[in-house]
C-alpha atoms as a PDB file:
ATOM      1  CA  MET A   1     -30.106 -12.187  23.607  1.00  0.00           C
ATOM      2  CA  ARG A   2     -32.051  -9.681  21.929  1.00  0.00           C
ATOM      3  CA  GLY A   3     -29.699  -6.886  19.794  1.00  0.00           C
ATOM      4  CA  THR A   4     -29.661  -4.209  17.026  1.00  0.00           C
ATOM      5  CA  SER A   5     -29.355  -4.934  13.436  1.00  0.00           C
ATOM      6  CA  ARG A   6     -27.698  -2.288  11.507  1.00  0.00           C
ATOM      7  CA  LYS A   7     -27.532  -2.027   8.131  1.00  0.00           C
ATOM      8  CA  ILE A   8     -23.936  -2.727   6.520  1.00  0.00           C
ATOM      9  CA  SER A   9     -22.361   0.450   5.460  1.00  0.00           C
ATOM     10  CA  LEU A  10     -21.085   0.783   1.431  1.00  0.00           C
ATOM     11  CA  PRO A  11     -17.492   0.870   3.155  1.00  0.00           C
ATOM     12  CA  ARG A  12     -18.095  -2.148   5.186  1.00  0.00           C
ATOM     13  CA  ARG A  13     -19.422  -3.796   2.235  1.00  0.00           C
ATOM     14  CA  LEU A  14     -16.439  -3.196   0.384  1.00  0.00           C
ATOM     15  CA  VAL A  15     -13.730  -4.475   3.232  1.00  0.00           C
ATOM     16  CA  ALA A  16     -16.700  -7.482   3.308  1.00  0.00           C
ATOM     17  CA  ASP A  17     -16.096  -8.302  -0.068  1.00  0.00           C
ATOM     18  CA  LEU A  18     -12.411  -7.506   0.024  1.00  0.00           C
ATOM     19  CA  MET A  19     -11.763 -10.572   2.735  1.00  0.00           C
ATOM     20  CA  HIS A  20     -14.139 -12.778   0.715  1.00  0.00           C
ATOM     21  CA  ALA A  21     -11.646 -12.192  -2.408  1.00  0.00           C
ATOM     22  CA  SER A  22      -8.978 -12.940  -0.227  1.00  0.00           C
ATOM     23  CA  MET A  23      -9.754 -16.042   1.389  1.00  0.00           C
ATOM     24  CA  CYS A  24      -7.956 -18.261  -0.824  1.00  0.00           C
ATOM     25  CA  VAL A  25      -4.533 -16.413  -1.369  1.00  0.00           C
ATOM     26  CA  PRO A  26      -1.857 -18.791  -0.047  1.00  0.00           C
ATOM     27  CA  PHE A  27       0.027 -15.815   1.678  1.00  0.00           C
ATOM     28  CA  VAL A  28       3.310 -15.851   3.733  1.00  0.00           C
ATOM     29  CA  SER A  29       5.302 -13.458   5.470  1.00  0.00           C
ATOM     30  CA  LEU A  30       8.396 -11.919   6.900  1.00  0.00           C
ATOM     31  CA  SER A  31       9.236  -9.017   9.010  1.00  0.00           C
ATOM     32  CA  ARG A  32      12.379  -7.866  10.219  1.00  0.00           C
ATOM     33  CA  PRO A  33      13.513  -4.247  11.299  1.00  0.00           C
ATOM     34  CA  ILE A  34      15.403  -2.199   8.282  1.00  0.00           C
ATOM     35  CA  ASN A  35      17.438   0.973   9.098  1.00  0.00           C
ATOM     36  CA  VAL A  36      16.468   4.157   8.407  1.00  0.00           C
ATOM     37  CA  ARG A  37      19.102   6.533   9.706  1.00  0.00           C
ATOM     38  CA  GLY A  38      20.054   8.286   6.249  1.00  0.00           C
ATOM     39  CA  LEU A  39      15.886   8.737   5.321  1.00  0.00           C
ATOM     40  CA  LEU A  40      15.797  10.268   8.819  1.00  0.00           C
ATOM     41  CA  GLU A  41      18.370  12.639   8.726  1.00  0.00           C
ATOM     42  CA  ALA A  42      17.210  13.677   4.994  1.00  0.00           C
ATOM     43  CA  ARG A  43      13.497  14.082   6.614  1.00  0.00           C
ATOM     44  CA  ALA A  44      14.321  16.220   8.682  1.00  0.00           C
ATOM     45  CA  ILE A  45      15.799  18.812   6.870  1.00  0.00           C
ATOM     46  CA  CYS A  46      12.673  18.998   4.244  1.00  0.00           C
ATOM     47  CA  ALA A  47      10.462  21.770   4.281  1.00  0.00           C
ATOM     48  CA  GLU A  48       7.475  19.358   3.528  1.00  0.00           C
ATOM     49  CA  PRO A  49       8.337  15.559   4.061  1.00  0.00           C
ATOM     50  CA  ALA A  50       6.665  13.131   2.026  1.00  0.00           C
ATOM     51  CA  GLY A  51       4.172  11.240   4.347  1.00  0.00           C
ATOM     52  CA  TRP A  52       5.217   7.355   5.062  1.00  0.00           C
ATOM     53  CA  ALA A  53       3.032   5.459   3.120  1.00  0.00           C
ATOM     54  CA  ALA A  54       4.560   7.929  -0.111  1.00  0.00           C
ATOM     55  CA  ILE A  55       8.124   6.846   0.819  1.00  0.00           C
ATOM     56  CA  PHE A  56       7.018   3.232   0.786  1.00  0.00           C
ATOM     57  CA  VAL A  57       4.952   3.586  -2.158  1.00  0.00           C
ATOM     58  CA  LYS A  58       7.618   4.808  -4.333  1.00  0.00           C
ATOM     59  CA  ALA A  59      10.535   3.260  -2.696  1.00  0.00           C
ATOM     60  CA  PHE A  60       8.680  -0.792  -3.450  1.00  0.00           C
ATOM     61  CA  ALA A  61       8.006   0.500  -6.806  1.00  0.00           C
ATOM     62  CA  ILE A  62      12.111   0.743  -7.353  1.00  0.00           C
ATOM     63  CA  LEU A  63      12.766  -2.412  -5.717  1.00  0.00           C
ATOM     64  CA  ALA A  64       9.994  -3.546  -8.583  1.00  0.00           C
ATOM     65  CA  LYS A  65      11.583  -2.174 -11.501  1.00  0.00           C
ATOM     66  CA  GLY A  66      14.643  -4.181 -11.017  1.00  0.00           C
ATOM     67  CA  GLU A  67      13.045  -7.166  -9.828  1.00  0.00           C
ATOM     68  CA  PRO A  68      10.351  -8.130 -12.178  1.00  0.00           C
ATOM     69  CA  THR A  69       8.733 -10.892  -9.956  1.00  0.00           C
ATOM     70  CA  LEU A  70       7.517  -7.791  -8.064  1.00  0.00           C
ATOM     71  CA  ARG A  71       5.745  -7.173 -10.449  1.00  0.00           C
ATOM     72  CA  THR A  72       4.149 -10.653 -11.347  1.00  0.00           C
ATOM     73  CA  LEU A  73       0.589 -11.749 -10.545  1.00  0.00           C
ATOM     74  CA  TYR A  74      -0.646 -15.362 -10.114  1.00  0.00           C
ATOM     75  CA  ALA A  75      -4.072 -15.003 -12.702  1.00  0.00           C
ATOM     76  CA  LYS A  76      -6.472 -18.304 -13.331  1.00  0.00           C
ATOM     77  CA  TRP A  77      -7.659 -17.498 -16.129  1.00  0.00           C
ATOM     78  CA  PRO A  78      -7.984 -18.550 -19.538  1.00  0.00           C
ATOM     79  CA  TRP A  79      -5.326 -20.994 -17.632  1.00  0.00           C
ATOM     80  CA  PRO A  80      -3.486 -20.867 -14.597  1.00  0.00           C
ATOM     81  CA  GLN A  81      -0.779 -18.660 -15.365  1.00  0.00           C
ATOM     82  CA  LEU A  82       2.017 -15.718 -13.639  1.00  0.00           C
ATOM     83  CA  TYR A  83       1.329 -12.486 -15.737  1.00  0.00           C
ATOM     84  CA  GLU A  84       4.649  -9.611 -15.548  1.00  0.00           C
ATOM     85  CA  LEU A  85       3.398  -6.297 -15.744  1.00  0.00           C
ATOM     86  CA  PRO A  86       5.662  -3.740 -17.391  1.00  0.00           C
ATOM     87  CA  ASP A  87       5.237  -1.433 -14.462  1.00  0.00           C
ATOM     88  CA  SER A  88       3.793  -0.975 -11.004  1.00  0.00           C
ATOM     89  CA  VAL A  89       0.823   0.100  -9.582  1.00  0.00           C
ATOM     90  CA  GLY A  90       0.548   0.635  -5.938  1.00  0.00           C
ATOM     91  CA  THR A  91      -2.593   0.849  -3.652  1.00  0.00           C
ATOM     92  CA  VAL A  92      -2.445   2.435  -0.252  1.00  0.00           C
ATOM     93  CA  ALA A  93      -5.021   1.855   2.320  1.00  0.00           C
ATOM     94  CA  ILE A  94      -6.524   5.328   3.166  1.00  0.00           C
ATOM     95  CA  ALA A  95      -7.906   5.591   6.752  1.00  0.00           C
ATOM     96  CA  ARG A  96     -10.946   8.199   6.533  1.00  0.00           C
ATOM     97  CA  VAL A  97     -14.251   8.958   8.482  1.00  0.00           C
ATOM     98  CA  GLU A  98     -17.451   8.955   6.531  1.00  0.00           C
ATOM     99  CA  ASP A  99     -21.009   9.644   8.542  1.00  0.00           C
ATOM    100  CA  GLY A 100     -19.440   9.356  11.873  1.00  0.00           C
ATOM    101  CA  GLN A 101     -17.955   5.956  11.207  1.00  0.00           C
ATOM    102  CA  ASP A 102     -14.226   4.864  10.763  1.00  0.00           C
ATOM    103  CA  CYS A 103     -13.421   3.266   7.740  1.00  0.00           C
ATOM    104  CA  VAL A 104     -10.660   2.231   4.729  1.00  0.00           C
ATOM    105  CA  LEU A 105     -10.643   3.016   1.265  1.00  0.00           C
ATOM    106  CA  PHE A 106      -7.999   2.491  -1.522  1.00  0.00           C
ATOM    107  CA  GLN A 107      -6.065   4.575  -3.636  1.00  0.00           C
ATOM    108  CA  GLN A 108      -4.166   3.385  -6.717  1.00  0.00           C
ATOM    109  CA  ILE A 109      -0.999   5.257  -7.407  1.00  0.00           C
ATOM    110  CA  ARG A 110       0.224   4.856 -11.044  1.00  0.00           C
ATOM    111  CA  TYR A 111       3.877   4.170 -12.148  1.00  0.00           C
ATOM    112  CA  PRO A 112       5.348   5.295  -8.456  1.00  0.00           C
ATOM    113  CA  ASP A 113       9.141   4.694  -9.212  1.00  0.00           C
ATOM    114  CA  ALA A 114       8.524   7.388 -12.416  1.00  0.00           C
ATOM    115  CA  VAL A 115       6.637   9.893 -10.355  1.00  0.00           C
ATOM    116  CA  PRO A 116       8.041  12.526  -8.152  1.00  0.00           C
ATOM    117  CA  LEU A 117       7.775  11.704  -4.295  1.00  0.00           C
ATOM    118  CA  THR A 118       5.847  15.101  -3.696  1.00  0.00           C
ATOM    119  CA  GLN A 119       3.442  14.107  -6.548  1.00  0.00           C
ATOM    120  CA  ILE A 120       2.503  10.898  -4.800  1.00  0.00           C
ATOM    121  CA  ALA A 121       2.342  12.490  -1.083  1.00  0.00           C
ATOM    122  CA  ALA A 122      -0.070  15.166  -2.783  1.00  0.00           C
ATOM    123  CA  GLU A 123      -2.185  12.520  -4.378  1.00  0.00           C
ATOM    124  CA  LEU A 124      -2.409  10.551  -0.637  1.00  0.00           C
ATOM    125  CA  ARG A 125      -3.184  13.601   1.046  1.00  0.00           C
ATOM    126  CA  HIS A 126      -6.139  14.526  -1.243  1.00  0.00           C
ATOM    127  CA  ALA A 127      -7.218  10.994  -1.116  1.00  0.00           C
ATOM    128  CA  LYS A 128      -7.333  11.448   2.647  1.00  0.00           C
ATOM    129  CA  ASP A 129      -8.936  14.414   2.492  1.00  0.00           C
ATOM    130  CA  ALA A 130     -11.236  15.124  -0.339  1.00  0.00           C
ATOM    131  CA  PRO A 131     -14.652  14.140  -0.863  1.00  0.00           C
ATOM    132  CA  ILE A 132     -15.121  10.385  -1.933  1.00  0.00           C
ATOM    133  CA  CYS A 133     -16.547  11.773  -5.378  1.00  0.00           C
ATOM    134  CA  GLU A 134     -13.587  13.737  -6.227  1.00  0.00           C
ATOM    135  CA  VAL A 135     -11.219  10.901  -5.593  1.00  0.00           C
ATOM    136  CA  ALA A 136     -11.891   8.289  -8.864  1.00  0.00           C
ATOM    137  CA  SER A 137     -10.564   5.378  -7.371  1.00  0.00           C
ATOM    138  CA  PHE A 138     -12.561   5.560  -4.425  1.00  0.00           C
ATOM    139  CA  ARG A 139     -15.506   6.118  -6.846  1.00  0.00           C
ATOM    140  CA  ARG A 140     -15.186   3.184  -8.714  1.00  0.00           C
ATOM    141  CA  MET A 141     -14.642   1.000  -5.961  1.00  0.00           C
ATOM    142  CA  LEU A 142     -17.574   2.055  -4.399  1.00  0.00           C
ATOM    143  CA  GLY A 143     -20.014   2.097  -7.895  1.00  0.00           C
ATOM    144  CA  ILE A 144     -19.059  -1.763  -7.844  1.00  0.00           C
ATOM    145  CA  THR A 145     -19.839  -1.910  -4.490  1.00  0.00           C
ATOM    146  CA  ARG A 146     -23.265  -0.475  -4.696  1.00  0.00           C
ATOM    147  CA  LEU A 147     -24.069  -3.613  -7.034  1.00  0.00           C
ATOM    148  CA  PRO A 148     -26.408  -6.336  -5.938  1.00  0.00           C
ATOM    149  CA  LEU A 149     -24.217  -9.755  -4.504  1.00  0.00           C
ATOM    150  CA  PRO A 150     -23.973 -11.759  -7.515  1.00  0.00           C
ATOM    151  CA  LEU A 151     -23.234  -8.743  -9.967  1.00  0.00           C
ATOM    152  CA  ARG A 152     -20.259  -7.617  -7.437  1.00  0.00           C
ATOM    153  CA  ARG A 153     -18.891 -11.099  -7.250  1.00  0.00           C
ATOM    154  CA  LEU A 154     -18.687 -11.154 -11.158  1.00  0.00           C
ATOM    155  CA  CYS A 155     -16.947  -8.100 -11.095  1.00  0.00           C
ATOM    156  CA  TRP A 156     -14.647  -9.115  -8.554  1.00  0.00           C
ATOM    157  CA  ALA A 157     -14.217 -12.480 -10.600  1.00  0.00           C
ATOM    158  CA  LEU A 158     -13.393 -10.598 -13.782  1.00  0.00           C
ATOM    159  CA  GLY A 159     -11.003  -8.290 -11.951  1.00  0.00           C
ATOM    160  CA  LEU A 160      -9.041 -10.705 -10.016  1.00  0.00           C
ATOM    161  CA  ASN A 161      -8.660 -13.480 -12.580  1.00  0.00           C
ATOM    162  CA  PHE A 162      -7.255 -11.840 -15.832  1.00  0.00           C
ATOM    163  CA  GLY A 163      -3.787 -10.585 -15.458  1.00  0.00           C
ATOM    164  CA  ARG A 164      -4.147  -7.397 -17.143  1.00  0.00           C
ATOM    165  CA  GLN A 165      -7.624  -6.567 -15.272  1.00  0.00           C
ATOM    166  CA  ARG A 166      -5.674  -7.647 -11.953  1.00  0.00           C
ATOM    167  CA  ALA A 167      -3.423  -4.662 -12.189  1.00  0.00           C
ATOM    168  CA  ASN A 168      -6.226  -2.125 -13.195  1.00  0.00           C
ATOM    169  CA  PHE A 169      -8.820  -3.052 -10.282  1.00  0.00           C
ATOM    170  CA  PHE A 170      -6.241  -4.077  -7.620  1.00  0.00           C
ATOM    171  CA  GLY A 171      -2.438  -2.981  -8.633  1.00  0.00           C
ATOM    172  CA  SER A 172       0.660  -5.163  -8.348  1.00  0.00           C
ATOM    173  CA  PHE A 173       1.282  -4.427  -4.809  1.00  0.00           C
ATOM    174  CA  GLY A 174       0.077  -2.755  -1.508  1.00  0.00           C
ATOM    175  CA  ILE A 175       0.651  -0.531   1.300  1.00  0.00           C
ATOM    176  CA  THR A 176      -0.981  -0.199   4.580  1.00  0.00           C
ATOM    177  CA  SER A 177       0.233   0.764   7.939  1.00  0.00           C
ATOM    178  CA  VAL A 178      -1.311   1.632  11.561  1.00  0.00           C
ATOM    179  CA  ALA A 179       1.557   3.610  12.279  1.00  0.00           C
ATOM    180  CA  ALA A 180      -0.185   6.490  13.207  1.00  0.00           C
ATOM    181  CA  TYR A 181      -2.353   4.708  16.312  1.00  0.00           C
ATOM    182  CA  GLY A 182       0.799   3.699  17.644  1.00  0.00           C
ATOM    183  CA  PRO A 183       3.328   0.635  17.518  1.00  0.00           C
ATOM    184  CA  GLY A 184       2.668  -2.925  16.830  1.00  0.00           C
ATOM    185  CA  GLU A 185       2.331  -5.519  13.541  1.00  0.00           C
ATOM    186  CA  LEU A 186      -0.219  -5.528  10.893  1.00  0.00           C
ATOM    187  CA  HIS A 187      -0.338  -8.829   8.930  1.00  0.00           C
ATOM    188  CA  PRO A 188      -3.101  -7.612   6.625  1.00  0.00           C
ATOM    189  CA  LEU A 189      -5.643  -9.792   4.125  1.00  0.00           C
ATOM    190  CA  SER A 190      -5.432  -9.052   0.440  1.00  0.00           C
ATOM    191  CA  PRO A 191      -5.886 -10.436  -3.124  1.00  0.00           C
ATOM    192  CA  GLY A 192      -1.989 -10.016  -3.374  1.00  0.00           C
ATOM    193  CA  PRO A 193       0.423 -10.613  -4.789  1.00  0.00           C
ATOM    194  CA  PHE A 194       2.646  -8.197  -2.534  1.00  0.00           C
ATOM    195  CA  VAL A 195       1.712  -6.051   0.667  1.00  0.00           C
ATOM    196  CA  LEU A 196       3.926  -4.552   2.890  1.00  0.00           C
ATOM    197  CA  SER A 197       3.338  -2.523   6.073  1.00  0.00           C
ATOM    198  CA  TYR A 198       5.235  -0.882   8.239  1.00  0.00           C
ATOM    199  CA  GLY A 199       5.383   0.514  12.066  1.00  0.00           C
ATOM    200  CA  VAL A 200       6.968   3.362  14.271  1.00  0.00           C
ATOM    201  CA  VAL A 201       9.972   4.586  14.273  1.00  0.00           C
ATOM    202  CA  ASN A 202      12.419   2.550  17.184  1.00  0.00           C
ATOM    203  CA  PRO A 203      14.727   4.438  19.164  1.00  0.00           C
ATOM    204  CA  ASP A 204      17.567   2.914  16.931  1.00  0.00           C
ATOM    205  CA  GLN A 205      16.590   4.853  14.088  1.00  0.00           C
ATOM    206  CA  THR A 206      14.778   1.617  12.635  1.00  0.00           C
ATOM    207  CA  ILE A 207      11.247   0.605  11.366  1.00  0.00           C
ATOM    208  CA  ASP A 208       9.422  -2.599  11.367  1.00  0.00           C
ATOM    209  CA  VAL A 209       8.435  -4.157   8.082  1.00  0.00           C
ATOM    210  CA  VAL A 210       6.174  -7.100   7.256  1.00  0.00           C
ATOM    211  CA  LEU A 211       6.337  -8.139   4.003  1.00  0.00           C
ATOM    212  CA  ARG A 212       3.433 -10.921   2.816  1.00  0.00           C
ATOM    213  CA  TRP A 213       3.345 -12.563  -0.653  1.00  0.00           C
ATOM    214  CA  ASP A 214       1.183 -15.171  -2.483  1.00  0.00           C
ATOM    215  CA  HIS A 215       3.364 -18.195  -2.634  1.00  0.00           C
ATOM    216  CA  ARG A 216       2.489 -18.838  -6.100  1.00  0.00           C
ATOM    217  CA  VAL A 217       4.402 -16.265  -7.405  1.00  0.00           C
ATOM    218  CA  CYS A 218       7.263 -16.400  -5.232  1.00  0.00           C
ATOM    219  CA  ASP A 219       9.851 -17.823  -2.475  1.00  0.00           C
ATOM    220  CA  ALA A 220      10.993 -16.166   0.559  1.00  0.00           C
ATOM    221  CA  ALA A 221      14.709 -16.658  -0.212  1.00  0.00           C
ATOM    222  CA  LEU A 222      13.505 -13.580  -2.648  1.00  0.00           C
ATOM    223  CA  MET A 223      11.667 -11.619   0.096  1.00  0.00           C
ATOM    224  CA  ALA A 224      14.718 -12.041   2.507  1.00  0.00           C
ATOM    225  CA  ARG A 225      16.794 -10.090  -0.114  1.00  0.00           C
ATOM    226  CA  MET A 226      14.431  -7.894  -0.895  1.00  0.00           C
ATOM    227  CA  PHE A 227      14.778  -6.081   2.755  1.00  0.00           C
ATOM    228  CA  GLY A 228      18.131  -5.210   2.236  1.00  0.00           C
ATOM    229  CA  ARG A 229      17.422  -3.721  -1.103  1.00  0.00           C
ATOM    230  CA  LEU A 230      14.656  -1.714   0.476  1.00  0.00           C
ATOM    231  CA  GLU A 231      16.882  -0.475   3.176  1.00  0.00           C
ATOM    232  CA  GLN A 232      19.182   0.549   0.566  1.00  0.00           C
ATOM    233  CA  VAL A 233      17.060   2.188  -1.670  1.00  0.00           C
ATOM    234  CA  LEU A 234      15.198   4.056   1.414  1.00  0.00           C
ATOM    235  CA  ASN A 235      18.845   5.486   2.880  1.00  0.00           C
ATOM    236  CA  THR A 236      20.274   6.395  -0.704  1.00  0.00           C
ATOM    237  CA  GLU A 237      17.384   7.320  -3.472  1.00  0.00           C
ATOM    238  CA  ILE A 238      14.654   8.341  -1.553  1.00  0.00           C
ATOM    239  CA  SER A 239      16.621   9.786   0.519  1.00  0.00           C
ATOM    240  CA  ALA A 240      18.957  11.726  -2.339  1.00  0.00           C
ATOM    241  CA  GLU A 241      15.270  13.110  -3.287  1.00  0.00           C
ATOM    242  CA  LEU A 242      13.924  13.800  -0.131  1.00  0.00           C
ATOM    243  CA  ARG A 243      17.444  16.268   0.492  1.00  0.00           C
ATOM    244  CA  ALA A 244      16.725  17.944  -3.105  1.00  0.00           C
ATOM    245  CA  ILE A 245      13.422  19.381  -1.841  1.00  0.00           C
ATOM    246  CA  VAL A 246      14.139  22.782  -0.758  1.00  0.00           C
ATOM    247  CA  PRO A 247      15.128  22.464   2.866  1.00  0.00           C
ATOM    248  CA  GLN A 248      13.901  24.681   5.660  1.00  0.00           C
ATOM    249  CA  THR A 249      16.373  27.201   7.266  1.00  0.00           C
ATOM    250  CA  GLU A 250      16.374  25.109  10.574  1.00  0.00           C
ATOM    251  CA  ALA A 251      16.512  21.025  10.886  1.00  0.00           C
ATOM    252  CA  LYS A 252      13.476  19.738  13.313  1.00  0.00           C
ATOM    253  CA  PRO A 253      13.840  16.908  15.217  1.00  0.00           C
ATOM    254  CA  VAL A 254      12.979  13.553  13.671  1.00  0.00           C
ATOM    255  CA  ARG A 255       9.278  12.444  14.144  1.00  0.00           C
ATOM    256  CA  ALA A 256       7.723   9.106  13.932  1.00  0.00           C
ATOM    257  CA  VAL A 257       6.223   7.023  11.497  1.00  0.00           C
ATOM    258  CA  GLY A 258       2.989   7.654  12.316  1.00  0.00           C
ATOM    259  CA  SER A 259       3.064  11.410  12.218  1.00  0.00           C
ATOM    260  CA  ARG A 260       1.994  11.870   8.591  1.00  0.00           C
ATOM    261  CA  PRO A 261       0.018   9.724   6.573  1.00  0.00           C
END
C-alpha cells in the first residue's frame, strides 16, 4: 500500500530520543488512590490556586528532602554507582501545540521544595504559553535535538551516564499527567529514576497516583511508604501554603484535576 512520507518534527524527534534513552531502564510501578480532602478545601478558598502539576512537583520535592533515596540516580560512568544529589530538580511534561501539531516538551523546576508554590505555577504557565524561544529548558533540549544522530546519541550518553550531568539534563524526578483530557492511568517511560503521574479527582475526593521508579535505585517497600507520606504532605504542608495565599471572598466549587495545567 502506497502511503505518504512525512518529515519528523523536532519535538517528535525529541520524544524518539527520549524513548531510545528509556528502553533499558528497569522500571516498576505502583498505583494507589490518595485522599486529598484537605488539599481540595484549601484550593477552593484560593483566589488563584496553583495547578496540580505545580502541587505535585513541590510535594514530591518535600518528600525527597527527607528521603535521600528519592534524590538518588543510577549512573554508569566512570563505573556503575548510585549518585545521591543534594537537592531535587523536577522535570514536568508540558503539552503544547506547535505548527498545528500536538507535542510534549519538558520544563525543569530547580529546588522546588524551597520555591514558593506560586512561583512554580508561574514557571509552568510560562512554559505552557510562551514562545519556545523564550523557555530556556526548551531551547537547550531542542538545540541538542537539531544535531545529527551520532552527535545526539553522544550528548544523551554523556547526560545520562554521569551522575552530576544526569541531574542537569533530566532532573531527579518527573511529573506528567493526562488528567486535563479525562480519567485514566498513565504509565510513562522515562530515563528515570522517578516519575509520578496523577489522574482526575474522584467523587470520594481521592486522586489516583502512579509512581514509577528505577528498580536499581530502590524497592517497592519504600515507594509504598511514600504514598502515605505524599498524602500527608498534600493535606498539610501544601494545603497550608495554599491557605496562606490571599483567599477569595467566596469559596468556589471544587474543580477537577484537569481544570488547570
